[in-house]
Amino acid sequence: MKLETFSYLPPLSAQQVAQQIEYILKQGLVPAIEYVAEPNPRDHYWSMWKLPLFDVRAAAAVLTEIEACTTAHPDCYVRLIGYDRNRQSQTVSLVVRRPSLSP
């Protein structure tokens, strides 16, 4: 199933996901993690893992939360979101784990 632009590339490594997180943080965006068992192109609502990570400044903390979400929901897709505080909208979104490709 193709979910976004990165779906057409090989799965991102942990280092590549960390680079995406660093980009999100450098842009001043708020990272958040969401998950869903079966994504549907007509349903844009995924369950949020905890609250958005407002005070996080390090990629390692976001990676830890992604791993916690993956451990708690091993059969779900996990997506990383970047919220823009000023525009009050989601500006970055990418799937970082898939059930069939998770380690």
N, C-alpha and C. Protein backbone atom coordinates (compact mmCIF):
# COMPACT_ATOMS: atom_id res chain seq x y z
N MET A 1 0.84 -1.17 0.00
CA MET A 1 0.00 0.00 0.00
C MET A 1 0.89 1.24 0.00
N LYS A 2 0.64 2.15 -0.90
CA LYS A 2 1.38 3.39 -1.00
C LYS A 2 0.63 4.48 -0.24
N LEU A 3 1.32 5.10 0.74
CA LEU A 3 0.66 6.07 1.60
C LEU A 3 1.10 7.50 1.38
N GLU A 4 2.32 7.70 0.94
CA GLU A 4 2.83 9.05 0.68
C GLU A 4 4.07 8.93 -0.18
N THR A 5 4.74 10.03 -0.43
CA THR A 5 5.89 10.05 -1.33
C THR A 5 6.96 9.06 -0.93
N PHE A 6 7.28 8.98 0.37
CA PHE A 6 8.33 8.07 0.83
C PHE A 6 7.97 6.61 0.63
N SER A 7 6.70 6.28 0.39
CA SER A 7 6.28 4.90 0.19
C SER A 7 6.89 4.29 -1.07
N TYR A 8 7.30 5.12 -2.00
CA TYR A 8 7.88 4.62 -3.24
C TYR A 8 9.38 4.39 -3.12
N LEU A 9 9.95 4.73 -1.99
CA LEU A 9 11.37 4.52 -1.71
C LEU A 9 11.53 3.32 -0.79
N PRO A 10 12.75 2.79 -0.67
CA PRO A 10 12.96 1.75 0.33
C PRO A 10 12.66 2.30 1.73
N PRO A 11 12.36 1.44 2.69
CA PRO A 11 12.06 1.92 4.04
C PRO A 11 13.20 2.77 4.60
N LEU A 12 12.85 3.80 5.34
CA LEU A 12 13.85 4.67 5.94
C LEU A 12 14.55 3.95 7.10
N SER A 13 15.86 4.11 7.18
CA SER A 13 16.60 3.55 8.31
C SER A 13 16.38 4.44 9.53
N ALA A 14 16.82 3.97 10.68
CA ALA A 14 16.69 4.77 11.91
C ALA A 14 17.44 6.09 11.77
N GLN A 15 18.58 6.05 11.12
CA GLN A 15 19.36 7.28 10.92
C GLN A 15 18.62 8.26 10.00
N GLN A 16 17.99 7.75 8.96
CA GLN A 16 17.24 8.62 8.05
C GLN A 16 16.01 9.20 8.73
N VAL A 17 15.35 8.42 9.57
CA VAL A 17 14.21 8.94 10.32
C VAL A 17 14.70 10.02 11.27
N ALA A 18 15.85 9.80 11.91
CA ALA A 18 16.42 10.81 12.81
C ALA A 18 16.72 12.10 12.05
N GLN A 19 17.20 11.99 10.82
CA GLN A 19 17.46 13.19 10.01
C GLN A 19 16.16 13.93 9.69
N GLN A 20 15.09 13.21 9.42
CA GLN A 20 13.80 13.84 9.18
C GLN A 20 13.30 14.55 10.44
N ILE A 21 13.50 13.92 11.59
CA ILE A 21 13.11 14.53 12.86
C ILE A 21 13.92 15.80 13.11
N GLU A 22 15.22 15.74 12.86
CA GLU A 22 16.06 16.92 13.04
C GLU A 22 15.60 18.06 12.14
N TYR A 23 15.21 17.74 10.92
CA TYR A 23 14.69 18.76 10.02
C TYR A 23 13.42 19.39 10.60
N ILE A 24 12.52 18.55 11.09
CA ILE A 24 11.27 19.04 11.68
C ILE A 24 11.58 19.98 12.84
N LEU A 25 12.50 19.58 13.70
CA LEU A 25 12.86 20.41 14.86
C LEU A 25 13.54 21.70 14.44
N LYS A 26 14.43 21.65 13.45
CA LYS A 26 15.11 22.86 12.98
C LYS A 26 14.15 23.86 12.36
N GLN A 27 13.06 23.38 11.78
CA GLN A 27 12.06 24.26 11.19
C GLN A 27 11.14 24.87 12.25
N GLY A 28 11.32 24.47 13.50
CA GLY A 28 10.48 25.00 14.58
C GLY A 28 9.12 24.34 14.65
N LEU A 29 8.97 23.19 14.03
CA LEU A 29 7.70 22.47 14.04
C LEU A 29 7.60 21.60 15.29
N VAL A 30 6.39 21.27 15.67
CA VAL A 30 6.13 20.42 16.83
C VAL A 30 5.92 19.00 16.34
N PRO A 31 6.78 18.05 16.74
CA PRO A 31 6.58 16.67 16.30
C PRO A 31 5.45 15.99 17.09
N ALA A 32 4.74 15.13 16.41
CA ALA A 32 3.69 14.32 17.03
C ALA A 32 3.71 12.95 16.35
N ILE A 33 3.21 11.96 17.05
CA ILE A 33 3.21 10.59 16.54
C ILE A 33 1.77 10.10 16.51
N GLU A 34 1.40 9.47 15.40
CA GLU A 34 0.06 8.90 15.24
C GLU A 34 0.18 7.46 14.76
N TYR A 35 -0.88 6.68 14.98
CA TYR A 35 -0.88 5.29 14.54
C TYR A 35 -2.28 4.88 14.12
N VAL A 36 -2.33 3.86 13.26
CA VAL A 36 -3.60 3.30 12.81
C VAL A 36 -3.35 1.87 12.34
N ALA A 37 -4.34 1.00 12.54
CA ALA A 37 -4.19 -0.40 12.13
C ALA A 37 -4.27 -0.55 10.62
N GLU A 38 -5.26 0.08 10.00
CA GLU A 38 -5.42 0.00 8.55
C GLU A 38 -5.69 1.39 7.99
N PRO A 39 -4.70 1.99 7.35
CA PRO A 39 -4.93 3.32 6.79
C PRO A 39 -5.92 3.26 5.62
N ASN A 40 -6.74 4.29 5.55
CA ASN A 40 -7.73 4.39 4.49
C ASN A 40 -7.57 5.76 3.86
N PRO A 41 -7.43 5.85 2.55
CA PRO A 41 -7.24 7.15 1.91
C PRO A 41 -8.39 8.12 2.15
N ARG A 42 -9.56 7.63 2.49
CA ARG A 42 -10.70 8.50 2.74
C ARG A 42 -10.81 8.92 4.21
N ASP A 43 -10.00 8.29 5.06
CA ASP A 43 -10.04 8.59 6.49
C ASP A 43 -8.71 9.20 6.90
N HIS A 44 -8.70 10.48 7.19
CA HIS A 44 -7.45 11.17 7.51
C HIS A 44 -7.16 11.18 9.00
N TYR A 45 -8.01 10.58 9.80
CA TYR A 45 -7.84 10.62 11.25
C TYR A 45 -7.16 9.36 11.75
N TRP A 46 -5.99 9.53 12.34
CA TRP A 46 -5.26 8.46 12.98
C TRP A 46 -5.28 8.73 14.48
N SER A 47 -5.09 7.70 15.28
CA SER A 47 -5.03 7.89 16.73
C SER A 47 -3.71 8.52 17.11
N MET A 48 -3.74 9.49 18.02
CA MET A 48 -2.52 10.16 18.43
C MET A 48 -1.87 9.40 19.57
N TRP A 49 -0.56 9.24 19.47
CA TRP A 49 0.22 8.62 20.53
C TRP A 49 0.60 9.74 21.50
N LYS A 50 0.03 9.72 22.66
CA LYS A 50 0.26 10.74 23.69
C LYS A 50 -0.08 12.12 23.13
N LEU A 51 0.47 13.15 23.73
CA LEU A 51 0.28 14.50 23.24
C LEU A 51 1.41 14.87 22.29
N PRO A 52 1.25 15.91 21.47
CA PRO A 52 2.38 16.36 20.66
C PRO A 52 3.57 16.69 21.55
N LEU A 53 4.76 16.53 21.02
CA LEU A 53 5.99 16.69 21.80
C LEU A 53 6.44 18.15 21.75
N PHE A 54 5.73 19.02 22.47
CA PHE A 54 5.96 20.46 22.42
C PHE A 54 7.35 20.87 22.89
N ASP A 55 7.86 20.25 23.95
CA ASP A 55 9.11 20.68 24.55
C ASP A 55 10.33 19.89 24.09
N VAL A 56 10.17 18.99 23.15
CA VAL A 56 11.29 18.16 22.70
C VAL A 56 12.21 18.96 21.80
N ARG A 57 13.52 18.85 22.04
CA ARG A 57 14.52 19.54 21.23
C ARG A 57 15.53 18.58 20.60
N ALA A 58 15.43 17.28 20.96
CA ALA A 58 16.39 16.30 20.46
C ALA A 58 15.67 15.18 19.71
N ALA A 59 16.27 14.77 18.60
CA ALA A 59 15.69 13.71 17.77
C ALA A 59 15.60 12.39 18.54
N ALA A 60 16.53 12.16 19.44
CA ALA A 60 16.55 10.90 20.19
C ALA A 60 15.27 10.72 21.01
N ALA A 61 14.75 11.80 21.57
CA ALA A 61 13.52 11.71 22.37
C ALA A 61 12.33 11.33 21.49
N VAL A 62 12.28 11.86 20.28
CA VAL A 62 11.19 11.52 19.37
C VAL A 62 11.33 10.07 18.91
N LEU A 63 12.54 9.64 18.62
CA LEU A 63 12.77 8.24 18.23
C LEU A 63 12.35 7.29 19.35
N THR A 64 12.61 7.66 20.59
CA THR A 64 12.20 6.84 21.74
C THR A 64 10.68 6.71 21.77
N GLU A 65 9.96 7.80 21.52
CA GLU A 65 8.50 7.75 21.51
C GLU A 65 7.97 6.93 20.32
N ILE A 66 8.64 7.01 19.17
CA ILE A 66 8.25 6.19 18.02
C ILE A 66 8.40 4.71 18.37
N GLU A 67 9.51 4.37 19.01
CA GLU A 67 9.74 2.97 19.40
C GLU A 67 8.71 2.52 20.43
N ALA A 68 8.35 3.40 21.37
CA ALA A 68 7.34 3.05 22.38
C ALA A 68 5.99 2.81 21.72
N CYS A 69 5.64 3.64 20.77
CA CYS A 69 4.38 3.47 20.04
C CYS A 69 4.40 2.17 19.24
N THR A 70 5.51 1.88 18.59
CA THR A 70 5.64 0.65 17.80
C THR A 70 5.54 -0.57 18.70
N THR A 71 6.14 -0.51 19.88
CA THR A 71 6.08 -1.62 20.82
C THR A 71 4.66 -1.83 21.34
N ALA A 72 3.98 -0.73 21.63
CA ALA A 72 2.61 -0.83 22.14
C ALA A 72 1.61 -1.26 21.07
N HIS A 73 1.90 -0.90 19.82
CA HIS A 73 0.99 -1.21 18.70
C HIS A 73 1.79 -1.83 17.55
N PRO A 74 2.27 -3.06 17.71
CA PRO A 74 3.14 -3.67 16.69
C PRO A 74 2.43 -3.95 15.36
N ASP A 75 1.11 -4.03 15.37
CA ASP A 75 0.37 -4.33 14.15
C ASP A 75 -0.16 -3.08 13.45
N CYS A 76 0.35 -1.91 13.83
CA CYS A 76 -0.16 -0.64 13.29
C CYS A 76 0.91 0.10 12.48
N TYR A 77 0.42 0.96 11.61
CA TYR A 77 1.28 1.91 10.91
C TYR A 77 1.53 3.07 11.87
N VAL A 78 2.74 3.60 11.85
CA VAL A 78 3.09 4.73 12.72
C VAL A 78 3.56 5.86 11.83
N ARG A 79 3.04 7.06 12.12
CA ARG A 79 3.38 8.21 11.29
C ARG A 79 3.88 9.35 12.17
N LEU A 80 4.85 10.08 11.63
CA LEU A 80 5.42 11.25 12.28
C LEU A 80 4.82 12.49 11.65
N ILE A 81 4.38 13.41 12.48
CA ILE A 81 3.73 14.64 12.03
C ILE A 81 4.55 15.82 12.51
N GLY A 82 4.59 16.88 11.72
CA GLY A 82 5.18 18.14 12.14
C GLY A 82 4.13 19.24 12.06
N TYR A 83 3.79 19.83 13.21
CA TYR A 83 2.79 20.90 13.26
C TYR A 83 3.47 22.25 13.27
N ASP A 84 2.92 23.17 12.52
CA ASP A 84 3.39 24.55 12.50
C ASP A 84 2.56 25.34 13.51
N ARG A 85 3.22 25.87 14.55
CA ARG A 85 2.51 26.61 15.59
C ARG A 85 1.86 27.88 15.05
N ASN A 86 2.53 28.56 14.13
CA ASN A 86 2.02 29.83 13.62
C ASN A 86 0.82 29.64 12.70
N ARG A 87 0.92 28.71 11.80
CA ARG A 87 -0.18 28.46 10.85
C ARG A 87 -1.25 27.55 11.43
N GLN A 88 -0.94 26.94 12.56
CA GLN A 88 -1.82 26.00 13.22
C GLN A 88 -2.30 24.92 12.27
N SER A 89 -1.32 24.32 11.60
CA SER A 89 -1.64 23.26 10.66
C SER A 89 -0.50 22.25 10.58
N GLN A 90 -0.81 21.11 10.06
CA GLN A 90 0.16 20.05 9.85
C GLN A 90 0.93 20.36 8.56
N THR A 91 2.25 20.43 8.65
CA THR A 91 3.03 20.75 7.45
C THR A 91 3.93 19.61 7.00
N VAL A 92 4.19 18.64 7.86
CA VAL A 92 5.02 17.49 7.52
C VAL A 92 4.31 16.24 8.01
N SER A 93 4.34 15.20 7.20
CA SER A 93 3.74 13.93 7.58
C SER A 93 4.44 12.81 6.82
N LEU A 94 4.93 11.82 7.55
CA LEU A 94 5.53 10.66 6.89
C LEU A 94 5.38 9.42 7.74
N VAL A 95 5.13 8.31 7.09
CA VAL A 95 5.00 7.03 7.78
C VAL A 95 6.40 6.53 8.09
N VAL A 96 6.64 6.25 9.37
CA VAL A 96 7.98 5.82 9.78
C VAL A 96 8.04 4.33 10.10
N ARG A 97 6.89 3.68 10.30
CA ARG A 97 6.85 2.22 10.53
C ARG A 97 5.63 1.63 9.86
N ARG A 98 5.85 0.47 9.30
CA ARG A 98 4.75 -0.32 8.74
C ARG A 98 4.76 -1.67 9.42
N PRO A 99 3.62 -2.29 9.64
CA PRO A 99 3.61 -3.57 10.35
C PRO A 99 4.45 -4.65 9.67
N SER A 100 4.38 -4.74 8.36
CA SER A 100 5.11 -5.81 7.66
C SER A 100 6.60 -5.52 7.53
N LEU A 101 7.02 -4.27 7.70
CA LEU A 101 8.42 -3.89 7.56
C LEU A 101 9.10 -3.56 8.87
N SER A 102 8.36 -3.64 9.98
CA SER A 102 8.96 -3.31 11.28
C SER A 102 9.95 -4.37 11.68
N PRO A 103 11.05 -3.93 12.34
CA PRO A 103 12.06 -4.89 12.77
C PRO A 103 11.57 -5.80 13.88
